[in-house]
Structure formats: C-alpha cells, structure tokens
Amino acid sequence: KVNKIIGESGVEEDFEVSGDLGEAVGIGCSKVPLFITVVKI
C-alpha cells in the first residue's frame, strides 16, 4: 500500500510505502483479456 504525503501547500510532496503485509492490495485485473490463436488451413 502506498500513502501520499501532502505538504503544507496542499500538494502531494512525497509518498510512503507501507511495510505491513496485511495492508497489501491486489492488482485490478478484472478487465485483462485472454488471447486465443486462430489459424487458417
């Protein structure tokens, strides 16, 4: 998990990577296609 660090000006200045494995997030891959091969004989 990555947390944004917002500075005094209200703009993102840095980020912090969480070391807690329980906070890890999955990769959104619900729209990933499968590839199928079709040949002409």
PDB file of all heavy atoms in Angstrom:
ATOM      1  N   LYS A   1       0.855  -1.183   0.000  1.00  0.00           N
ATOM      2  CA  LYS A   1       0.000   0.000   0.000  1.00  0.00           C
ATOM      3  C   LYS A   1       0.891   1.233   0.000  1.00  0.00           C
ATOM      4  O   LYS A   1       1.909   1.279   0.695  1.00  0.00           O
ATOM      5  CB  LYS A   1      -0.899  -0.004   1.236  1.00  0.00           C
ATOM      6  CG  LYS A   1      -1.853   1.164   1.283  1.00  0.00           C
ATOM      7  CD  LYS A   1      -2.747   1.085   2.504  1.00  0.00           C
ATOM      8  CE  LYS A   1      -3.653   2.291   2.551  1.00  0.00           C
ATOM      9  NZ  LYS A   1      -4.468   2.294   3.766  1.00  0.00           N
ATOM     10  N   VAL A   2       0.526   2.231  -0.792  1.00  0.00           N
ATOM     11  CA  VAL A   2       1.288   3.467  -0.891  1.00  0.00           C
ATOM     12  C   VAL A   2       0.407   4.607  -0.380  1.00  0.00           C
ATOM     13  O   VAL A   2      -0.732   4.772  -0.822  1.00  0.00           O
ATOM     14  CB  VAL A   2       1.730   3.739  -2.347  1.00  0.00           C
ATOM     15  CG1 VAL A   2       2.450   5.071  -2.457  1.00  0.00           C
ATOM     16  CG2 VAL A   2       2.607   2.604  -2.858  1.00  0.00           C
ATOM     17  N   ASN A   3       0.928   5.367   0.554  1.00  0.00           N
ATOM     18  CA  ASN A   3       0.205   6.513   1.105  1.00  0.00           C
ATOM     19  C   ASN A   3       0.849   7.798   0.615  1.00  0.00           C
ATOM     20  O   ASN A   3       2.079   7.950   0.667  1.00  0.00           O
ATOM     21  CB  ASN A   3       0.235   6.482   2.641  1.00  0.00           C
ATOM     22  CG  ASN A   3      -0.413   5.235   3.187  1.00  0.00           C
ATOM     23  OD1 ASN A   3      -1.509   4.878   2.783  1.00  0.00           O
ATOM     24  ND2 ASN A   3       0.274   4.557   4.097  1.00  0.00           N
ATOM     25  N   LYS A   4       0.017   8.733   0.160  1.00  0.00           N
ATOM     26  CA  LYS A   4       0.515  10.035  -0.275  1.00  0.00           C
ATOM     27  C   LYS A   4       0.819  10.886   0.957  1.00  0.00           C
ATOM     28  O   LYS A   4       0.108  10.837   1.949  1.00  0.00           O
ATOM     29  CB  LYS A   4      -0.534  10.754  -1.116  1.00  0.00           C
ATOM     30  CG  LYS A   4      -0.878  10.068  -2.401  1.00  0.00           C
ATOM     31  CD  LYS A   4      -1.964  10.835  -3.131  1.00  0.00           C
ATOM     32  CE  LYS A   4      -2.413  10.097  -4.366  1.00  0.00           C
ATOM     33  NZ  LYS A   4      -3.503  10.818  -5.048  1.00  0.00           N
ATOM     34  N   ILE A   5       1.867  11.673   0.843  1.00  0.00           N
ATOM     35  CA  ILE A   5       2.198  12.631   1.893  1.00  0.00           C
ATOM     36  C   ILE A   5       1.952  14.021   1.315  1.00  0.00           C
ATOM     37  O   ILE A   5       2.618  14.439   0.358  1.00  0.00           O
ATOM     38  CB  ILE A   5       3.657  12.477   2.370  1.00  0.00           C
ATOM     39  CG1 ILE A   5       3.860  11.079   2.959  1.00  0.00           C
ATOM     40  CG2 ILE A   5       4.007  13.567   3.373  1.00  0.00           C
ATOM     41  CD1 ILE A   5       5.285  10.774   3.351  1.00  0.00           C
ATOM     42  N   ILE A   6       0.949  14.679   1.885  1.00  0.00           N
ATOM     43  CA  ILE A   6       0.562  16.003   1.409  1.00  0.00           C
ATOM     44  C   ILE A   6       1.318  17.049   2.222  1.00  0.00           C
ATOM     45  O   ILE A   6       1.352  17.007   3.455  1.00  0.00           O
ATOM     46  CB  ILE A   6      -0.968  16.226   1.561  1.00  0.00           C
ATOM     47  CG1 ILE A   6      -1.747  15.081   0.888  1.00  0.00           C
ATOM     48  CG2 ILE A   6      -1.384  17.585   1.006  1.00  0.00           C
ATOM     49  CD1 ILE A   6      -1.548  14.957  -0.594  1.00  0.00           C
ATOM     50  N   GLY A   7       1.921  17.988   1.528  1.00  0.00           N
ATOM     51  CA  GLY A   7       2.685  19.040   2.194  1.00  0.00           C
ATOM     52  C   GLY A   7       1.802  20.161   2.722  1.00  0.00           C
ATOM     53  O   GLY A   7       0.573  20.139   2.585  1.00  0.00           O
ATOM     54  N   GLU A   8       2.411  21.159   3.303  1.00  0.00           N
ATOM     55  CA  GLU A   8       1.687  22.293   3.870  1.00  0.00           C
ATOM     56  C   GLU A   8       0.928  23.075   2.809  1.00  0.00           C
ATOM     57  O   GLU A   8      -0.095  23.688   3.079  1.00  0.00           O
ATOM     58  CB  GLU A   8       2.658  23.210   4.618  1.00  0.00           C
ATOM     59  CG  GLU A   8       3.242  22.579   5.862  1.00  0.00           C
ATOM     60  CD  GLU A   8       4.257  23.484   6.538  1.00  0.00           C
ATOM     61  OE1 GLU A   8       4.349  24.677   6.178  1.00  0.00           O
ATOM     62  OE2 GLU A   8       4.958  22.985   7.427  1.00  0.00           O
ATOM     63  N   SER A   9       1.423  23.042   1.577  1.00  0.00           N
ATOM     64  CA  SER A   9       0.770  23.784   0.490  1.00  0.00           C
ATOM     65  C   SER A   9      -0.451  23.027  -0.063  1.00  0.00           C
ATOM     66  O   SER A   9      -1.142  23.534  -0.930  1.00  0.00           O
ATOM     67  CB  SER A   9       1.772  24.044  -0.632  1.00  0.00           C
ATOM     68  OG  SER A   9       2.226  22.811  -1.171  1.00  0.00           O
ATOM     69  N   GLY A  10      -0.669  21.801   0.435  1.00  0.00           N
ATOM     70  CA  GLY A  10      -1.809  21.015  -0.044  1.00  0.00           C
ATOM     71  C   GLY A  10      -1.498  20.178  -1.269  1.00  0.00           C
ATOM     72  O   GLY A  10      -2.365  19.535  -1.830  1.00  0.00           O
ATOM     73  N   VAL A  11      -0.249  20.174  -1.695  1.00  0.00           N
ATOM     74  CA  VAL A  11       0.184  19.427  -2.866  1.00  0.00           C
ATOM     75  C   VAL A  11       0.936  18.180  -2.406  1.00  0.00           C
ATOM     76  O   VAL A  11       1.660  18.211  -1.406  1.00  0.00           O
ATOM     77  CB  VAL A  11       1.108  20.302  -3.757  1.00  0.00           C
ATOM     78  CG1 VAL A  11       1.589  19.525  -4.972  1.00  0.00           C
ATOM     79  CG2 VAL A  11       0.390  21.568  -4.182  1.00  0.00           C
ATOM     80  N   GLU A  12       0.753  17.103  -3.147  1.00  0.00           N
ATOM     81  CA  GLU A  12       1.474  15.867  -2.824  1.00  0.00           C
ATOM     82  C   GLU A  12       2.973  16.114  -2.985  1.00  0.00           C
ATOM     83  O   GLU A  12       3.433  16.502  -4.051  1.00  0.00           O
ATOM     84  CB  GLU A  12       1.032  14.736  -3.753  1.00  0.00           C
ATOM     85  CG  GLU A  12       1.743  13.432  -3.501  1.00  0.00           C
ATOM     86  CD  GLU A  12       1.367  12.340  -4.496  1.00  0.00           C
ATOM     87  OE1 GLU A  12       0.345  12.458  -5.162  1.00  0.00           O
ATOM     88  OE2 GLU A  12       2.152  11.383  -4.602  1.00  0.00           O
ATOM     89  N   GLU A  13       3.705  15.879  -1.912  1.00  0.00           N
ATOM     90  CA  GLU A  13       5.145  16.116  -1.938  1.00  0.00           C
ATOM     91  C   GLU A  13       5.951  14.832  -1.933  1.00  0.00           C
ATOM     92  O   GLU A  13       7.079  14.807  -2.407  1.00  0.00           O
ATOM     93  CB  GLU A  13       5.555  16.982  -0.744  1.00  0.00           C
ATOM     94  CG  GLU A  13       5.033  18.389  -0.824  1.00  0.00           C
ATOM     95  CD  GLU A  13       5.498  19.253   0.335  1.00  0.00           C
ATOM     96  OE1 GLU A  13       6.168  18.731   1.248  1.00  0.00           O
ATOM     97  OE2 GLU A  13       5.192  20.448   0.324  1.00  0.00           O
ATOM     98  N   ASP A  14       5.392  13.772  -1.367  1.00  0.00           N
ATOM     99  CA  ASP A  14       6.137  12.534  -1.245  1.00  0.00           C
ATOM    100  C   ASP A  14       5.133  11.394  -1.085  1.00  0.00           C
ATOM    101  O   ASP A  14       3.928  11.611  -1.106  1.00  0.00           O
ATOM    102  CB  ASP A  14       7.074  12.603  -0.038  1.00  0.00           C
ATOM    103  CG  ASP A  14       8.269  11.658  -0.149  1.00  0.00           C
ATOM    104  OD1 ASP A  14       8.329  10.888  -1.131  1.00  0.00           O
ATOM    105  OD2 ASP A  14       9.129  11.682   0.752  1.00  0.00           O
ATOM    106  N   PHE A  15       5.662  10.204  -0.919  1.00  0.00           N
ATOM    107  CA  PHE A  15       4.807   9.054  -0.658  1.00  0.00           C
ATOM    108  C   PHE A  15       5.529   8.122   0.303  1.00  0.00           C
ATOM    109  O   PHE A  15       6.744   8.180   0.448  1.00  0.00           O
ATOM    110  CB  PHE A  15       4.430   8.315  -1.951  1.00  0.00           C
ATOM    111  CG  PHE A  15       5.594   7.723  -2.688  1.00  0.00           C
ATOM    112  CD1 PHE A  15       6.006   6.417  -2.435  1.00  0.00           C
ATOM    113  CD2 PHE A  15       6.291   8.467  -3.623  1.00  0.00           C
ATOM    114  CE1 PHE A  15       7.080   5.870  -3.110  1.00  0.00           C
ATOM    115  CE2 PHE A  15       7.366   7.925  -4.311  1.00  0.00           C
ATOM    116  CZ  PHE A  15       7.763   6.622  -4.045  1.00  0.00           C
ATOM    117  N   GLU A  16       4.737   7.270   0.952  1.00  0.00           N
ATOM    118  CA  GLU A  16       5.284   6.323   1.913  1.00  0.00           C
ATOM    119  C   GLU A  16       4.772   4.932   1.549  1.00  0.00           C
ATOM    120  O   GLU A  16       3.573   4.744   1.328  1.00  0.00           O
ATOM    121  CB  GLU A  16       4.814   6.706   3.306  1.00  0.00           C
ATOM    122  CG  GLU A  16       5.242   5.747   4.382  1.00  0.00           C
ATOM    123  CD  GLU A  16       4.685   6.158   5.736  1.00  0.00           C
ATOM    124  OE1 GLU A  16       3.456   6.121   5.900  1.00  0.00           O
ATOM    125  OE2 GLU A  16       5.489   6.524   6.595  1.00  0.00           O
ATOM    126  N   VAL A  17       5.667   3.969   1.476  1.00  0.00           N
ATOM    127  CA  VAL A  17       5.307   2.591   1.174  1.00  0.00           C
ATOM    128  C   VAL A  17       5.137   1.846   2.490  1.00  0.00           C
ATOM    129  O   VAL A  17       6.053   1.820   3.316  1.00  0.00           O
ATOM    130  CB  VAL A  17       6.386   1.902   0.299  1.00  0.00           C
ATOM    131  CG1 VAL A  17       6.007   0.454   0.030  1.00  0.00           C
ATOM    132  CG2 VAL A  17       6.590   2.661  -1.005  1.00  0.00           C
ATOM    133  N   SER A  18       3.961   1.255   2.665  1.00  0.00           N
ATOM    134  CA  SER A  18       3.670   0.522   3.894  1.00  0.00           C
ATOM    135  C   SER A  18       4.451  -0.783   3.927  1.00  0.00           C
ATOM    136  O   SER A  18       4.514  -1.511   2.937  1.00  0.00           O
ATOM    137  CB  SER A  18       2.175   0.235   3.992  1.00  0.00           C
ATOM    138  OG  SER A  18       1.909  -0.593   5.092  1.00  0.00           O
ATOM    139  N   GLY A  19       5.024  -1.077   5.086  1.00  0.00           N
ATOM    140  CA  GLY A  19       5.750  -2.329   5.257  1.00  0.00           C
ATOM    141  C   GLY A  19       4.877  -3.438   5.816  1.00  0.00           C
ATOM    142  O   GLY A  19       5.327  -4.570   5.982  1.00  0.00           O
ATOM    143  N   ASP A  20       3.604  -3.145   6.094  1.00  0.00           N
ATOM    144  CA  ASP A  20       2.689  -4.113   6.667  1.00  0.00           C
ATOM    145  C   ASP A  20       2.099  -4.981   5.554  1.00  0.00           C
ATOM    146  O   ASP A  20       1.379  -4.491   4.684  1.00  0.00           O
ATOM    147  CB  ASP A  20       1.570  -3.397   7.414  1.00  0.00           C
ATOM    148  CG  ASP A  20       0.626  -4.349   8.122  1.00  0.00           C
ATOM    149  OD1 ASP A  20       0.883  -5.578   8.098  1.00  0.00           O
ATOM    150  OD2 ASP A  20      -0.370  -3.869   8.694  1.00  0.00           O
ATOM    151  N   LEU A  21       2.419  -6.282   5.563  1.00  0.00           N
ATOM    152  CA  LEU A  21       1.912  -7.185   4.528  1.00  0.00           C
ATOM    153  C   LEU A  21       0.391  -7.313   4.552  1.00  0.00           C
ATOM    154  O   LEU A  21      -0.227  -7.615   3.545  1.00  0.00           O
ATOM    155  CB  LEU A  21       2.549  -8.567   4.673  1.00  0.00           C
ATOM    156  CG  LEU A  21       4.039  -8.640   4.391  1.00  0.00           C
ATOM    157  CD1 LEU A  21       4.569 -10.030   4.702  1.00  0.00           C
ATOM    158  CD2 LEU A  21       4.337  -8.270   2.962  1.00  0.00           C
ATOM    159  N   GLY A  22      -0.205  -7.063   5.715  1.00  0.00           N
ATOM    160  CA  GLY A  22      -1.658  -7.122   5.816  1.00  0.00           C
ATOM    161  C   GLY A  22      -2.348  -6.003   5.063  1.00  0.00           C
ATOM    162  O   GLY A  22      -3.517  -6.093   4.726  1.00  0.00           O
ATOM    163  N   GLU A  23      -1.634  -4.925   4.767  1.00  0.00           N
ATOM    164  CA  GLU A  23      -2.196  -3.799   4.028  1.00  0.00           C
ATOM    165  C   GLU A  23      -1.967  -3.908   2.521  1.00  0.00           C
ATOM    166  O   GLU A  23      -2.396  -3.032   1.771  1.00  0.00           O
ATOM    167  CB  GLU A  23      -1.598  -2.483   4.531  1.00  0.00           C
ATOM    168  CG  GLU A  23      -2.016  -2.097   5.913  1.00  0.00           C
ATOM    169  CD  GLU A  23      -1.455  -0.743   6.323  1.00  0.00           C
ATOM    170  OE1 GLU A  23      -0.606  -0.185   5.588  1.00  0.00           O
ATOM    171  OE2 GLU A  23      -1.864  -0.239   7.368  1.00  0.00           O
ATOM    172  N   ALA A  24      -1.282  -4.948   2.089  1.00  0.00           N
ATOM    173  CA  ALA A  24      -1.009  -5.103   0.660  1.00  0.00           C
ATOM    174  C   ALA A  24      -2.324  -5.203  -0.110  1.00  0.00           C
ATOM    175  O   ALA A  24      -3.310  -5.731   0.383  1.00  0.00           O
ATOM    176  CB  ALA A  24      -0.152  -6.340   0.411  1.00  0.00           C
ATOM    177  N   VAL A  25      -2.326  -4.658  -1.306  1.00  0.00           N
ATOM    178  CA  VAL A  25      -3.542  -4.642  -2.125  1.00  0.00           C
ATOM    179  C   VAL A  25      -3.311  -5.447  -3.407  1.00  0.00           C
ATOM    180  O   VAL A  25      -2.200  -5.559  -3.911  1.00  0.00           O
ATOM    181  CB  VAL A  25      -3.972  -3.201  -2.471  1.00  0.00           C
ATOM    182  CG1 VAL A  25      -4.403  -2.454  -1.226  1.00  0.00           C
ATOM    183  CG2 VAL A  25      -2.863  -2.445  -3.179  1.00  0.00           C
ATOM    184  N   GLY A  26      -4.405  -5.997  -3.928  1.00  0.00           N
ATOM    185  CA  GLY A  26      -4.334  -6.768  -5.168  1.00  0.00           C
ATOM    186  C   GLY A  26      -4.258  -5.866  -6.389  1.00  0.00           C
ATOM    187  O   GLY A  26      -4.550  -4.673  -6.337  1.00  0.00           O
ATOM    188  N   ILE A  27      -3.867  -6.470  -7.481  1.00  0.00           N
ATOM    189  CA  ILE A  27      -3.804  -5.759  -8.756  1.00  0.00           C
ATOM    190  C   ILE A  27      -5.160  -5.928  -9.422  1.00  0.00           C
ATOM    191  O   ILE A  27      -5.657  -7.041  -9.556  1.00  0.00           O
ATOM    192  CB  ILE A  27      -2.701  -6.356  -9.657  1.00  0.00           C
ATOM    193  CG1 ILE A  27      -1.345  -6.190  -8.998  1.00  0.00           C
ATOM    194  CG2 ILE A  27      -2.718  -5.720 -11.034  1.00  0.00           C
ATOM    195  CD1 ILE A  27      -0.226  -6.902  -9.721  1.00  0.00           C
ATOM    196  N   GLY A  28      -5.758  -4.837  -9.845  1.00  0.00           N
ATOM    197  CA  GLY A  28      -7.046  -4.917 -10.532  1.00  0.00           C
ATOM    198  C   GLY A  28      -6.871  -5.503 -11.921  1.00  0.00           C
ATOM    199  O   GLY A  28      -6.299  -4.876 -12.809  1.00  0.00           O
ATOM    200  N   CYS A  29      -7.299  -6.734 -12.100  1.00  0.00           N
ATOM    201  CA  CYS A  29      -7.112  -7.373 -13.407  1.00  0.00           C
ATOM    202  C   CYS A  29      -8.414  -7.973 -13.926  1.00  0.00           C
ATOM    203  O   CYS A  29      -8.391  -8.927 -14.685  1.00  0.00           O
ATOM    204  CB  CYS A  29      -6.003  -8.410 -13.345  1.00  0.00           C
ATOM    205  SG  CYS A  29      -6.256  -9.700 -12.139  1.00  0.00           S
ATOM    206  N   SER A  30      -9.547  -7.395 -13.533  1.00  0.00           N
ATOM    207  CA  SER A  30     -10.833  -7.929 -13.967  1.00  0.00           C
ATOM    208  C   SER A  30     -11.076  -7.693 -15.455  1.00  0.00           C
ATOM    209  O   SER A  30     -11.871  -8.383 -16.068  1.00  0.00           O
ATOM    210  CB  SER A  30     -11.970  -7.307 -13.152  1.00  0.00           C
ATOM    211  OG  SER A  30     -12.008  -5.912 -13.360  1.00  0.00           O
ATOM    212  N   LYS A  31     -10.397  -6.729 -16.036  1.00  0.00           N
ATOM    213  CA  LYS A  31     -10.591  -6.426 -17.454  1.00  0.00           C
ATOM    214  C   LYS A  31      -9.478  -6.982 -18.350  1.00  0.00           C
ATOM    215  O   LYS A  31      -9.429  -6.674 -19.532  1.00  0.00           O
ATOM    216  CB  LYS A  31     -10.708  -4.922 -17.645  1.00  0.00           C
ATOM    217  CG  LYS A  31     -11.923  -4.340 -16.939  1.00  0.00           C
ATOM    218  CD  LYS A  31     -12.129  -2.894 -17.293  1.00  0.00           C
ATOM    219  CE  LYS A  31     -13.248  -2.327 -16.490  1.00  0.00           C
ATOM    220  NZ  LYS A  31     -14.495  -2.287 -17.166  1.00  0.00           N
ATOM    221  N   VAL A  32      -8.590  -7.784 -17.785  1.00  0.00           N
ATOM    222  CA  VAL A  32      -7.499  -8.359 -18.568  1.00  0.00           C
ATOM    223  C   VAL A  32      -8.068  -9.420 -19.512  1.00  0.00           C
ATOM    224  O   VAL A  32      -8.784 -10.321 -19.086  1.00  0.00           O
ATOM    225  CB  VAL A  32      -6.423  -8.973 -17.646  1.00  0.00           C
ATOM    226  CG1 VAL A  32      -5.376  -9.708 -18.447  1.00  0.00           C
ATOM    227  CG2 VAL A  32      -5.782  -7.897 -16.799  1.00  0.00           C
ATOM    228  N   PRO A  33      -7.764  -9.330 -20.804  1.00  0.00           N
ATOM    229  CA  PRO A  33      -8.306 -10.313 -21.750  1.00  0.00           C
ATOM    230  C   PRO A  33      -7.471 -11.592 -21.790  1.00  0.00           C
ATOM    231  O   PRO A  33      -6.352 -11.632 -21.299  1.00  0.00           O
ATOM    232  CB  PRO A  33      -8.208  -9.580 -23.091  1.00  0.00           C
ATOM    233  CG  PRO A  33      -7.002  -8.703 -22.935  1.00  0.00           C
ATOM    234  CD  PRO A  33      -7.016  -8.272 -21.479  1.00  0.00           C
ATOM    235  N   LEU A  34      -8.057 -12.607 -22.404  1.00  0.00           N
ATOM    236  CA  LEU A  34      -7.311 -13.819 -22.737  1.00  0.00           C
ATOM    237  C   LEU A  34      -7.026 -13.784 -24.234  1.00  0.00           C
ATOM    238  O   LEU A  34      -7.791 -13.220 -25.012  1.00  0.00           O
ATOM    239  CB  LEU A  34      -8.119 -15.070 -22.387  1.00  0.00           C
ATOM    240  CG  LEU A  34      -8.328 -15.338 -20.904  1.00  0.00           C
ATOM    241  CD1 LEU A  34      -9.166 -16.596 -20.701  1.00  0.00           C
ATOM    242  CD2 LEU A  34      -7.005 -15.490 -20.176  1.00  0.00           C
ATOM    243  N   PHE A  35      -5.933 -14.412 -24.629  1.00  0.00           N
ATOM    244  CA  PHE A  35      -5.527 -14.416 -26.034  1.00  0.00           C
ATOM    245  C   PHE A  35      -5.776 -15.795 -26.624  1.00  0.00           C
ATOM    246  O   PHE A  35      -5.365 -16.803 -26.051  1.00  0.00           O
ATOM    247  CB  PHE A  35      -4.048 -14.033 -26.155  1.00  0.00           C
ATOM    248  CG  PHE A  35      -3.794 -12.605 -25.775  1.00  0.00           C
ATOM    249  CD1 PHE A  35      -3.661 -12.234 -24.454  1.00  0.00           C
ATOM    250  CD2 PHE A  35      -3.719 -11.631 -26.745  1.00  0.00           C
ATOM    251  CE1 PHE A  35      -3.444 -10.915 -24.091  1.00  0.00           C
ATOM    252  CE2 PHE A  35      -3.502 -10.301 -26.404  1.00  0.00           C
ATOM    253  CZ  PHE A  35      -3.367  -9.943 -25.068  1.00  0.00           C
ATOM    254  N   ILE A  36      -6.419 -15.809 -27.781  1.00  0.00           N
ATOM    255  CA  ILE A  36      -6.768 -17.058 -28.448  1.00  0.00           C
ATOM    256  C   ILE A  36      -6.161 -17.022 -29.849  1.00  0.00           C
ATOM    257  O   ILE A  36      -6.273 -16.019 -30.552  1.00  0.00           O
ATOM    258  CB  ILE A  36      -8.287 -17.220 -28.534  1.00  0.00           C
ATOM    259  CG1 ILE A  36      -8.878 -17.067 -27.160  1.00  0.00           C
ATOM    260  CG2 ILE A  36      -8.665 -18.477 -29.271  1.00  0.00           C
ATOM    261  CD1 ILE A  36      -9.993 -17.904 -26.775  1.00  0.00           C
ATOM    262  N   THR A  37      -5.520 -18.110 -30.240  1.00  0.00           N
ATOM    263  CA  THR A  37      -4.910 -18.202 -31.561  1.00  0.00           C
ATOM    264  C   THR A  37      -5.836 -18.951 -32.512  1.00  0.00           C
ATOM    265  O   THR A  37      -6.353 -20.010 -32.176  1.00  0.00           O
ATOM    266  CB  THR A  37      -3.558 -18.934 -31.484  1.00  0.00           C
ATOM    267  OG1 THR A  37      -2.711 -18.210 -30.584  1.00  0.00           O
ATOM    268  CG2 THR A  37      -2.890 -19.015 -32.841  1.00  0.00           C
ATOM    269  N   VAL A  38      -6.039 -18.363 -33.684  1.00  0.00           N
ATOM    270  CA  VAL A  38      -6.833 -18.987 -34.746  1.00  0.00           C
ATOM    271  C   VAL A  38      -5.966 -18.997 -35.993  1.00  0.00           C
ATOM    272  O   VAL A  38      -5.385 -17.975 -36.365  1.00  0.00           O
ATOM    273  CB  VAL A  38      -8.138 -18.200 -35.018  1.00  0.00           C
ATOM    274  CG1 VAL A  38      -8.936 -18.851 -36.129  1.00  0.00           C
ATOM    275  CG2 VAL A  38      -8.975 -18.083 -33.754  1.00  0.00           C
ATOM    276  N   VAL A  39      -5.847 -20.162 -36.627  1.00  0.00           N
ATOM    277  CA  VAL A  39      -5.061 -20.257 -37.858  1.00  0.00           C
ATOM    278  C   VAL A  39      -5.957 -20.649 -39.024  1.00  0.00           C
ATOM    279  O   VAL A  39      -7.027 -21.228 -38.844  1.00  0.00           O
ATOM    280  CB  VAL A  39      -3.889 -21.270 -37.738  1.00  0.00           C
ATOM    281  CG1 VAL A  39      -2.877 -20.819 -36.717  1.00  0.00           C
ATOM    282  CG2 VAL A  39      -4.382 -22.664 -37.457  1.00  0.00           C
ATOM    283  N   LYS A  40      -5.481 -20.324 -40.208  1.00  0.00           N
ATOM    284  CA  LYS A  40      -6.184 -20.670 -41.443  1.00  0.00           C
ATOM    285  C   LYS A  40      -5.412 -21.784 -42.132  1.00  0.00           C
ATOM    286  O   LYS A  40      -4.229 -21.634 -42.439  1.00  0.00           O
ATOM    287  CB  LYS A  40      -6.277 -19.446 -42.347  1.00  0.00           C
ATOM    288  CG  LYS A  40      -7.032 -19.681 -43.634  1.00  0.00           C
ATOM    289  CD  LYS A  40      -7.124 -18.376 -44.416  1.00  0.00           C
ATOM    290  CE  LYS A  40      -7.804 -18.572 -45.737  1.00  0.00           C
ATOM    291  NZ  LYS A  40      -7.863 -17.312 -46.496  1.00  0.00           N
ATOM    292  N   ILE A  41      -6.086 -22.915 -42.301  1.00  0.00           N
ATOM    293  CA  ILE A  41      -5.510 -24.042 -43.030  1.00  0.00           C
ATOM    294  C   ILE A  41      -6.449 -24.315 -44.200  1.00  0.00           C
ATOM    295  O   ILE A  41      -7.571 -24.765 -44.002  1.00  0.00           O
ATOM    296  CB  ILE A  41      -5.366 -25.291 -42.143  1.00  0.00           C
ATOM    297  CG1 ILE A  41      -4.482 -24.990 -40.932  1.00  0.00           C
ATOM    298  CG2 ILE A  41      -4.799 -26.465 -42.943  1.00  0.00           C
ATOM    299  CD1 ILE A  41      -4.395 -26.107 -39.922  1.00  0.00           C
TER     300      ILE A  41
END
